[in-house]
N, C-alpha and C. Protein backbone atom coordinates (compact mmCIF):
# COMPACT_ATOMS: atom_id res chain seq x y z
N MET A 1 79.25 -135.09 -94.23
CA MET A 1 77.85 -134.71 -94.26
C MET A 1 77.57 -133.99 -95.58
N ALA A 2 76.60 -134.44 -96.29
CA ALA A 2 76.23 -133.84 -97.56
C ALA A 2 75.30 -132.65 -97.33
N SER A 3 75.41 -131.68 -98.20
CA SER A 3 74.56 -130.50 -98.10
C SER A 3 73.11 -130.86 -98.42
N THR A 4 72.21 -130.21 -97.74
CA THR A 4 70.78 -130.40 -98.02
C THR A 4 70.22 -129.25 -98.86
N ILE A 5 71.09 -128.32 -99.25
CA ILE A 5 70.67 -127.18 -100.06
C ILE A 5 70.51 -127.63 -101.51
N ILE A 6 69.36 -127.35 -102.09
CA ILE A 6 69.10 -127.67 -103.48
C ILE A 6 69.10 -126.36 -104.26
N ALA A 7 69.87 -126.32 -105.35
CA ALA A 7 69.95 -125.12 -106.17
C ALA A 7 68.57 -124.71 -106.67
N ALA A 8 68.38 -123.41 -106.79
CA ALA A 8 67.10 -122.87 -107.26
C ALA A 8 67.35 -121.72 -108.23
N ALA A 9 66.34 -121.37 -108.96
CA ALA A 9 66.44 -120.25 -109.90
C ALA A 9 66.12 -118.94 -109.18
N LEU A 10 66.90 -117.92 -109.50
CA LEU A 10 66.63 -116.56 -109.02
C LEU A 10 65.91 -115.83 -110.13
N THR A 11 64.77 -115.24 -109.82
CA THR A 11 64.01 -114.47 -110.80
C THR A 11 64.13 -112.99 -110.45
N ILE A 12 64.58 -112.21 -111.41
CA ILE A 12 64.75 -110.77 -111.24
C ILE A 12 63.76 -110.10 -112.19
N THR A 13 62.94 -109.20 -111.64
CA THR A 13 61.96 -108.49 -112.45
C THR A 13 62.15 -106.99 -112.28
N ILE A 14 62.32 -106.31 -113.39
CA ILE A 14 62.40 -104.85 -113.39
C ILE A 14 61.13 -104.33 -114.06
N ASN A 15 60.38 -103.50 -113.33
CA ASN A 15 59.12 -102.97 -113.83
C ASN A 15 59.21 -101.46 -113.91
N GLU A 16 59.01 -100.92 -115.10
CA GLU A 16 59.02 -99.48 -115.31
C GLU A 16 57.62 -99.06 -115.76
N SER A 17 57.10 -98.01 -115.15
CA SER A 17 55.76 -97.58 -115.50
C SER A 17 55.75 -96.06 -115.67
N ILE A 18 55.50 -95.62 -116.91
CA ILE A 18 55.35 -94.20 -117.17
C ILE A 18 54.44 -94.02 -118.39
N THR A 19 53.50 -93.10 -118.25
CA THR A 19 52.61 -92.76 -119.35
C THR A 19 52.75 -91.28 -119.63
N LEU A 20 53.07 -90.97 -120.88
CA LEU A 20 53.21 -89.58 -121.31
C LEU A 20 52.29 -89.34 -122.51
N GLY A 21 51.45 -88.34 -122.41
CA GLY A 21 50.54 -88.03 -123.51
C GLY A 21 49.64 -89.20 -123.87
N GLY A 22 49.27 -90.01 -122.87
CA GLY A 22 48.39 -91.13 -123.10
C GLY A 22 49.07 -92.39 -123.63
N THR A 23 50.40 -92.32 -123.81
CA THR A 23 51.14 -93.48 -124.32
C THR A 23 52.02 -94.07 -123.23
N GLN A 24 51.95 -95.39 -123.09
CA GLN A 24 52.76 -96.11 -122.10
C GLN A 24 54.17 -96.34 -122.66
N TYR A 25 55.18 -95.87 -121.95
CA TYR A 25 56.57 -96.04 -122.36
C TYR A 25 57.34 -97.00 -121.46
N GLY A 26 56.73 -97.44 -120.41
CA GLY A 26 57.40 -98.35 -119.49
C GLY A 26 57.44 -99.77 -120.03
N GLY A 27 57.87 -100.67 -119.18
CA GLY A 27 57.92 -102.07 -119.58
C GLY A 27 58.35 -102.93 -118.42
N THR A 28 58.28 -104.24 -118.62
CA THR A 28 58.71 -105.20 -117.62
C THR A 28 59.72 -106.13 -118.25
N LYS A 29 60.83 -106.30 -117.60
CA LYS A 29 61.88 -107.21 -118.05
C LYS A 29 62.14 -108.21 -116.93
N THR A 30 62.16 -109.48 -117.29
CA THR A 30 62.38 -110.54 -116.31
C THR A 30 63.58 -111.37 -116.76
N LEU A 31 64.44 -111.68 -115.80
CA LEU A 31 65.61 -112.52 -116.04
C LEU A 31 65.59 -113.63 -115.01
N GLU A 32 65.81 -114.84 -115.46
CA GLU A 32 65.91 -115.98 -114.54
C GLU A 32 67.33 -116.52 -114.60
N ILE A 33 67.95 -116.65 -113.43
CA ILE A 33 69.30 -117.19 -113.32
C ILE A 33 69.19 -118.54 -112.63
N ALA A 34 69.55 -119.60 -113.35
CA ALA A 34 69.40 -120.96 -112.83
C ALA A 34 70.53 -121.33 -111.88
N SER A 35 70.28 -122.34 -111.10
CA SER A 35 71.29 -123.04 -110.28
C SER A 35 71.93 -122.20 -109.19
N ILE A 36 71.21 -121.24 -108.62
CA ILE A 36 71.75 -120.46 -107.51
C ILE A 36 71.81 -121.35 -106.27
N LYS A 37 72.99 -121.39 -105.65
CA LYS A 37 73.19 -122.23 -104.47
C LYS A 37 73.56 -121.43 -103.22
N GLU A 38 74.01 -120.19 -103.43
CA GLU A 38 74.42 -119.37 -102.29
C GLU A 38 73.82 -117.97 -102.41
N VAL A 39 73.40 -117.44 -101.28
CA VAL A 39 72.91 -116.07 -101.21
C VAL A 39 73.58 -115.37 -100.05
N PHE A 40 74.13 -114.19 -100.33
CA PHE A 40 74.74 -113.34 -99.31
C PHE A 40 73.86 -112.10 -99.26
N LYS A 41 73.20 -111.88 -98.13
CA LYS A 41 72.34 -110.71 -97.99
C LYS A 41 72.56 -110.10 -96.62
N ARG A 42 72.75 -108.78 -96.62
CA ARG A 42 72.90 -108.10 -95.34
C ARG A 42 72.53 -106.63 -95.50
N ILE A 43 72.18 -106.04 -94.36
CA ILE A 43 71.99 -104.60 -94.27
C ILE A 43 73.14 -104.09 -93.42
N VAL A 44 73.83 -103.08 -93.94
CA VAL A 44 75.02 -102.55 -93.29
C VAL A 44 74.81 -101.08 -92.96
N ARG A 45 75.13 -100.69 -91.73
CA ARG A 45 75.14 -99.27 -91.35
C ARG A 45 76.51 -98.73 -91.74
N CYS A 46 76.55 -97.79 -92.67
CA CYS A 46 77.80 -97.15 -93.09
C CYS A 46 77.87 -95.78 -92.42
N VAL A 47 78.96 -95.55 -91.72
CA VAL A 47 79.12 -94.37 -90.88
C VAL A 47 79.74 -93.22 -91.66
N ASP A 48 79.20 -92.04 -91.45
CA ASP A 48 79.65 -90.79 -92.08
C ASP A 48 81.17 -90.68 -92.09
N ASP A 49 81.72 -90.28 -93.23
CA ASP A 49 83.15 -90.03 -93.41
C ASP A 49 84.03 -91.25 -93.21
N THR A 50 83.48 -92.45 -93.36
CA THR A 50 84.26 -93.68 -93.22
C THR A 50 83.90 -94.62 -94.36
N ASP A 51 84.90 -95.06 -95.13
CA ASP A 51 84.64 -96.04 -96.18
C ASP A 51 84.23 -97.36 -95.54
N CYS A 52 83.25 -98.00 -96.12
CA CYS A 52 82.65 -99.21 -95.56
C CYS A 52 82.69 -100.31 -96.62
N THR A 53 83.45 -101.38 -96.37
CA THR A 53 83.50 -102.51 -97.30
C THR A 53 82.27 -103.38 -97.07
N ILE A 54 81.45 -103.53 -98.12
CA ILE A 54 80.21 -104.30 -97.97
C ILE A 54 80.32 -105.70 -98.58
N ALA A 55 81.32 -105.94 -99.42
CA ALA A 55 81.53 -107.28 -99.98
C ALA A 55 82.95 -107.36 -100.54
N THR A 56 83.53 -108.56 -100.43
CA THR A 56 84.86 -108.83 -100.96
C THR A 56 84.79 -110.09 -101.82
N PHE A 57 85.46 -110.04 -102.97
CA PHE A 57 85.44 -111.16 -103.91
C PHE A 57 86.86 -111.66 -104.12
N GLN A 58 87.04 -112.97 -104.07
CA GLN A 58 88.34 -113.59 -104.26
C GLN A 58 88.17 -114.88 -105.06
N THR A 59 89.28 -115.40 -105.61
CA THR A 59 89.21 -116.67 -106.34
C THR A 59 89.06 -117.85 -105.40
N ALA A 60 89.48 -117.68 -104.16
CA ALA A 60 89.30 -118.72 -103.14
C ALA A 60 88.73 -118.06 -101.90
N THR A 61 87.68 -118.62 -101.35
CA THR A 61 87.00 -117.98 -100.23
C THR A 61 87.82 -118.02 -98.94
N ASN A 62 88.88 -118.79 -98.90
CA ASN A 62 89.71 -118.85 -97.69
C ASN A 62 90.81 -117.80 -97.67
N THR A 63 90.88 -116.94 -98.69
CA THR A 63 91.95 -115.95 -98.76
C THR A 63 91.62 -114.64 -98.05
N ALA A 64 90.37 -114.42 -97.70
CA ALA A 64 89.98 -113.20 -96.99
C ALA A 64 88.71 -113.49 -96.19
N ASP A 65 88.59 -112.88 -95.03
CA ASP A 65 87.39 -113.07 -94.22
C ASP A 65 86.15 -112.70 -95.01
N ASN A 66 85.15 -113.56 -94.96
CA ASN A 66 83.86 -113.36 -95.62
C ASN A 66 83.95 -113.19 -97.13
N ALA A 67 85.04 -113.66 -97.76
CA ALA A 67 85.18 -113.54 -99.21
C ALA A 67 84.14 -114.38 -99.93
N ILE A 68 83.69 -113.85 -101.06
CA ILE A 68 82.74 -114.54 -101.92
C ILE A 68 83.50 -114.97 -103.17
N ASP A 69 83.29 -116.19 -103.62
CA ASP A 69 83.99 -116.72 -104.79
C ASP A 69 83.57 -115.95 -106.04
N LEU A 70 84.50 -115.18 -106.59
CA LEU A 70 84.16 -114.27 -107.69
C LEU A 70 83.75 -115.00 -108.96
N GLU A 71 84.21 -116.21 -109.16
CA GLU A 71 83.86 -116.95 -110.37
C GLU A 71 82.43 -117.47 -110.33
N ASN A 72 81.83 -117.52 -109.16
CA ASN A 72 80.47 -118.07 -109.03
C ASN A 72 79.37 -117.02 -108.96
N VAL A 73 79.72 -115.75 -108.79
CA VAL A 73 78.72 -114.69 -108.65
C VAL A 73 77.97 -114.48 -109.96
N ARG A 74 76.64 -114.41 -109.84
CA ARG A 74 75.79 -114.19 -111.02
C ARG A 74 74.92 -112.94 -110.90
N TYR A 75 74.82 -112.39 -109.69
CA TYR A 75 73.93 -111.23 -109.50
C TYR A 75 74.34 -110.47 -108.24
N ILE A 76 74.42 -109.15 -108.37
CA ILE A 76 74.69 -108.26 -107.22
C ILE A 76 73.70 -107.11 -107.30
N ARG A 77 73.08 -106.83 -106.15
CA ARG A 77 72.26 -105.62 -106.03
C ARG A 77 72.68 -104.90 -104.77
N VAL A 78 72.99 -103.61 -104.91
CA VAL A 78 73.31 -102.76 -103.76
C VAL A 78 72.28 -101.65 -103.75
N THR A 79 71.55 -101.52 -102.62
CA THR A 79 70.49 -100.52 -102.51
C THR A 79 70.79 -99.56 -101.37
N ASN A 80 70.71 -98.27 -101.67
CA ASN A 80 70.84 -97.22 -100.67
C ASN A 80 69.48 -97.11 -99.98
N LEU A 81 69.40 -97.54 -98.73
CA LEU A 81 68.13 -97.54 -98.00
C LEU A 81 67.78 -96.19 -97.38
N ASP A 82 68.69 -95.21 -97.49
CA ASP A 82 68.41 -93.89 -96.92
C ASP A 82 67.33 -93.19 -97.76
N ASP A 83 66.46 -92.43 -97.11
CA ASP A 83 65.39 -91.75 -97.84
C ASP A 83 65.76 -90.32 -98.25
N THR A 84 66.97 -89.87 -97.90
CA THR A 84 67.37 -88.50 -98.20
C THR A 84 68.76 -88.40 -98.84
N ASN A 85 69.72 -89.15 -98.32
CA ASN A 85 71.13 -88.95 -98.67
C ASN A 85 71.65 -89.93 -99.71
N PRO A 86 72.46 -89.42 -100.67
CA PRO A 86 73.10 -90.30 -101.64
C PRO A 86 74.33 -90.96 -101.02
N MET A 87 74.93 -91.87 -101.78
CA MET A 87 76.17 -92.51 -101.37
C MET A 87 77.04 -92.72 -102.60
N ASN A 88 78.33 -92.83 -102.38
CA ASN A 88 79.24 -93.25 -103.44
C ASN A 88 79.46 -94.74 -103.29
N LEU A 89 79.29 -95.49 -104.38
CA LEU A 89 79.60 -96.91 -104.40
C LEU A 89 80.87 -97.07 -105.22
N SER A 90 81.92 -97.55 -104.58
CA SER A 90 83.21 -97.72 -105.25
C SER A 90 83.41 -99.17 -105.63
N LEU A 91 83.61 -99.40 -106.91
CA LEU A 91 83.92 -100.73 -107.42
C LEU A 91 85.45 -100.84 -107.43
N GLN A 92 85.99 -101.64 -106.54
CA GLN A 92 87.43 -101.82 -106.43
C GLN A 92 87.85 -102.91 -107.41
N VAL A 93 88.68 -102.57 -108.38
CA VAL A 93 88.99 -103.45 -109.50
C VAL A 93 90.42 -103.98 -109.37
N ALA A 94 90.55 -105.29 -109.55
CA ALA A 94 91.87 -105.94 -109.55
C ALA A 94 92.38 -105.92 -110.99
N GLY A 95 93.35 -105.07 -111.27
CA GLY A 95 93.87 -104.92 -112.63
C GLY A 95 94.82 -106.02 -113.04
N GLY A 96 95.29 -106.82 -112.09
CA GLY A 96 96.21 -107.91 -112.39
C GLY A 96 95.67 -109.22 -111.89
N GLU A 97 96.44 -110.26 -112.10
CA GLU A 97 96.01 -111.60 -111.70
C GLU A 97 96.29 -111.90 -110.23
N ASP A 98 96.90 -110.96 -109.49
CA ASP A 98 97.19 -111.21 -108.07
C ASP A 98 95.97 -111.02 -107.18
N GLY A 99 94.87 -110.50 -107.73
CA GLY A 99 93.63 -110.35 -106.98
C GLY A 99 93.53 -109.09 -106.14
N ALA A 100 94.59 -108.30 -106.08
CA ALA A 100 94.57 -107.07 -105.27
C ALA A 100 94.00 -105.91 -106.09
N ALA A 101 93.18 -105.10 -105.45
CA ALA A 101 92.60 -103.93 -106.13
C ALA A 101 93.68 -102.88 -106.35
N ASN A 102 93.76 -102.39 -107.59
CA ASN A 102 94.67 -101.30 -107.89
C ASN A 102 94.02 -100.24 -108.77
N MET A 103 92.71 -100.37 -108.98
CA MET A 103 91.93 -99.38 -109.72
C MET A 103 90.55 -99.31 -109.09
N SER A 104 89.84 -98.24 -109.37
CA SER A 104 88.47 -98.16 -108.88
C SER A 104 87.63 -97.30 -109.81
N ALA A 105 86.34 -97.54 -109.75
CA ALA A 105 85.34 -96.72 -110.43
C ALA A 105 84.27 -96.44 -109.40
N THR A 106 83.81 -95.21 -109.34
CA THR A 106 82.82 -94.84 -108.33
C THR A 106 81.53 -94.40 -109.00
N HIS A 107 80.44 -94.86 -108.44
CA HIS A 107 79.10 -94.57 -108.97
C HIS A 107 78.26 -93.94 -107.86
N LEU A 108 77.63 -92.81 -108.15
CA LEU A 108 76.74 -92.16 -107.18
C LEU A 108 75.40 -92.90 -107.19
N VAL A 109 74.96 -93.34 -106.01
CA VAL A 109 73.68 -94.02 -105.86
C VAL A 109 72.82 -93.14 -104.97
N GLY A 110 71.75 -92.60 -105.54
CA GLY A 110 70.89 -91.68 -104.82
C GLY A 110 70.06 -92.38 -103.76
N ALA A 111 69.41 -91.58 -102.93
CA ALA A 111 68.53 -92.11 -101.88
C ALA A 111 67.48 -93.02 -102.49
N GLY A 112 67.36 -94.24 -101.94
CA GLY A 112 66.37 -95.20 -102.41
C GLY A 112 66.72 -95.90 -103.71
N GLN A 113 67.86 -95.59 -104.30
CA GLN A 113 68.23 -96.18 -105.59
C GLN A 113 69.08 -97.43 -105.41
N SER A 114 69.14 -98.21 -106.50
CA SER A 114 69.91 -99.46 -106.49
C SER A 114 70.91 -99.48 -107.64
N PHE A 115 71.97 -100.24 -107.42
CA PHE A 115 72.99 -100.52 -108.44
C PHE A 115 72.97 -102.03 -108.64
N ILE A 116 72.94 -102.47 -109.91
CA ILE A 116 72.90 -103.90 -110.22
C ILE A 116 74.08 -104.25 -111.11
N MET A 117 74.68 -105.41 -110.83
CA MET A 117 75.80 -105.92 -111.61
C MET A 117 75.68 -107.44 -111.65
N HIS A 118 76.14 -108.05 -112.73
CA HIS A 118 76.01 -109.50 -112.85
C HIS A 118 77.35 -110.22 -112.86
N THR A 119 78.31 -109.77 -113.64
CA THR A 119 79.56 -110.50 -113.82
C THR A 119 80.68 -109.86 -113.00
N VAL A 120 81.31 -110.66 -112.14
CA VAL A 120 82.40 -110.19 -111.28
C VAL A 120 83.75 -110.64 -111.84
N HIS A 121 83.83 -111.92 -112.25
CA HIS A 121 85.08 -112.47 -112.80
C HIS A 121 85.22 -112.05 -114.26
N ASP A 122 86.32 -111.35 -114.55
CA ASP A 122 86.57 -110.84 -115.90
C ASP A 122 85.36 -110.07 -116.42
N GLY A 123 84.80 -109.21 -115.56
CA GLY A 123 83.58 -108.50 -115.93
C GLY A 123 83.66 -106.99 -115.84
N ILE A 124 84.86 -106.44 -115.56
CA ILE A 124 84.94 -104.99 -115.39
C ILE A 124 86.35 -104.52 -115.74
N ALA A 125 86.44 -103.31 -116.24
CA ALA A 125 87.75 -102.68 -116.48
C ALA A 125 87.57 -101.17 -116.41
N VAL A 126 88.61 -100.51 -116.00
CA VAL A 126 88.64 -99.04 -116.00
C VAL A 126 89.96 -98.60 -116.61
N SER A 127 89.94 -97.42 -117.23
CA SER A 127 91.16 -96.89 -117.83
C SER A 127 91.05 -95.38 -117.87
N ASP A 128 92.14 -94.73 -117.57
CA ASP A 128 92.17 -93.27 -117.70
C ASP A 128 93.02 -92.85 -118.90
N ALA A 129 93.40 -93.82 -119.74
CA ALA A 129 94.27 -93.53 -120.88
C ALA A 129 93.54 -92.77 -121.98
N ASN A 130 92.30 -93.13 -122.25
CA ASN A 130 91.52 -92.45 -123.28
C ASN A 130 90.06 -92.87 -123.15
N ALA A 131 89.25 -92.32 -123.99
CA ALA A 131 87.81 -92.58 -123.90
C ALA A 131 87.38 -93.62 -124.93
N THR A 132 88.11 -94.73 -125.00
CA THR A 132 87.73 -95.79 -125.90
C THR A 132 87.26 -97.00 -125.10
N LEU A 133 86.61 -97.92 -125.79
CA LEU A 133 86.11 -99.13 -125.16
C LEU A 133 87.28 -99.97 -124.65
N VAL A 134 87.21 -100.39 -123.40
CA VAL A 134 88.23 -101.25 -122.81
C VAL A 134 87.69 -102.67 -122.85
N ASP A 135 88.40 -103.55 -123.56
CA ASP A 135 87.89 -104.92 -123.67
C ASP A 135 88.74 -105.94 -122.91
N ALA A 136 89.79 -105.50 -122.25
CA ALA A 136 90.60 -106.39 -121.41
C ALA A 136 90.01 -106.34 -120.00
N LEU A 137 88.98 -107.14 -119.80
CA LEU A 137 88.24 -107.09 -118.54
C LEU A 137 88.97 -107.85 -117.44
N THR A 138 88.82 -107.37 -116.20
CA THR A 138 89.46 -107.99 -115.04
C THR A 138 88.39 -108.25 -113.98
N ASP A 139 88.85 -108.54 -112.77
CA ASP A 139 87.95 -108.94 -111.69
C ASP A 139 87.57 -107.78 -110.78
N LEU A 140 86.35 -107.85 -110.26
CA LEU A 140 85.93 -106.96 -109.19
C LEU A 140 86.49 -107.54 -107.89
N GLU A 141 87.22 -106.73 -107.12
CA GLU A 141 87.83 -107.21 -105.88
C GLU A 141 86.95 -106.97 -104.67
N SER A 142 86.27 -105.82 -104.63
CA SER A 142 85.39 -105.52 -103.50
C SER A 142 84.46 -104.37 -103.84
N LEU A 143 83.47 -104.18 -102.98
CA LEU A 143 82.54 -103.06 -103.06
C LEU A 143 82.67 -102.24 -101.79
N LEU A 144 82.91 -100.94 -101.96
CA LEU A 144 83.01 -100.04 -100.81
C LEU A 144 81.96 -98.95 -100.93
N VAL A 145 81.44 -98.53 -99.80
CA VAL A 145 80.47 -97.44 -99.76
C VAL A 145 81.09 -96.27 -99.01
N ASP A 146 80.98 -95.09 -99.59
CA ASP A 146 81.31 -93.83 -98.92
C ASP A 146 79.98 -93.12 -98.69
N PRO A 147 79.53 -93.04 -97.42
CA PRO A 147 78.21 -92.47 -97.16
C PRO A 147 78.14 -90.95 -97.26
N LEU A 148 79.21 -90.31 -97.66
CA LEU A 148 79.26 -88.86 -97.87
C LEU A 148 79.03 -88.10 -96.58
N SER A 149 77.83 -87.56 -96.36
CA SER A 149 77.66 -86.61 -95.26
C SER A 149 76.88 -87.11 -94.05
N GLU A 150 76.28 -88.28 -94.14
CA GLU A 150 75.46 -88.79 -93.04
C GLU A 150 75.62 -90.30 -92.94
N ASP A 151 75.32 -90.87 -91.77
CA ASP A 151 75.23 -92.33 -91.64
C ASP A 151 74.08 -92.81 -92.52
N ILE A 152 74.29 -93.92 -93.21
CA ILE A 152 73.22 -94.49 -94.04
C ILE A 152 73.20 -96.01 -93.87
N ASP A 153 72.07 -96.61 -94.23
CA ASP A 153 71.94 -98.05 -94.28
C ASP A 153 71.97 -98.49 -95.73
N VAL A 154 72.70 -99.58 -95.98
CA VAL A 154 72.87 -100.10 -97.33
C VAL A 154 72.50 -101.58 -97.31
N GLU A 155 71.72 -102.02 -98.28
CA GLU A 155 71.40 -103.43 -98.42
C GLU A 155 72.19 -104.00 -99.59
N VAL A 156 72.80 -105.16 -99.38
CA VAL A 156 73.51 -105.86 -100.45
C VAL A 156 72.96 -107.27 -100.57
N LEU A 157 72.71 -107.70 -101.81
CA LEU A 157 72.27 -109.04 -102.10
C LEU A 157 73.17 -109.58 -103.20
N ILE A 158 73.80 -110.74 -102.94
CA ILE A 158 74.67 -111.36 -103.93
C ILE A 158 74.24 -112.82 -104.06
N ALA A 159 73.99 -113.24 -105.31
CA ALA A 159 73.59 -114.62 -105.57
C ALA A 159 74.67 -115.30 -106.39
N SER A 160 75.02 -116.52 -105.98
CA SER A 160 76.09 -117.28 -106.62
C SER A 160 75.65 -118.70 -106.92
N VAL A 161 76.30 -119.29 -107.94
CA VAL A 161 76.04 -120.70 -108.27
C VAL A 161 76.98 -121.59 -107.46
């Protein structure tokens, strides 16, 4: 049976609006990503004091339950839907070619805020050796949320070709 899904373009628009002293400093930026064939979208309840895996990326989708093919990902948005509480978003990084996470970087996402990322395959690196640019990029293995002090809802949207 052939798929009836036809690839479509994903349009992402970021609109900033601020006027200071009568001058507009905001702007609108639009990006179109062609040939999107898969969308993974869910809202997840993350429970206080428990790490919550919201997405897993692998080179083959049959290697882990609900894995997303990391080579095909073109857009990720993670939004903290809570109106009061922040969350920690942990980017679990596979430092080697075996696909297992052995490094992480954590980003604080405030109430109502979003984190956006585009490249998963060979798109991230972390190092504690020094404060220089790391250009040996590796794969993102998964996204984990630490809801800190309260239960929170998190929305994740991932678009792939």
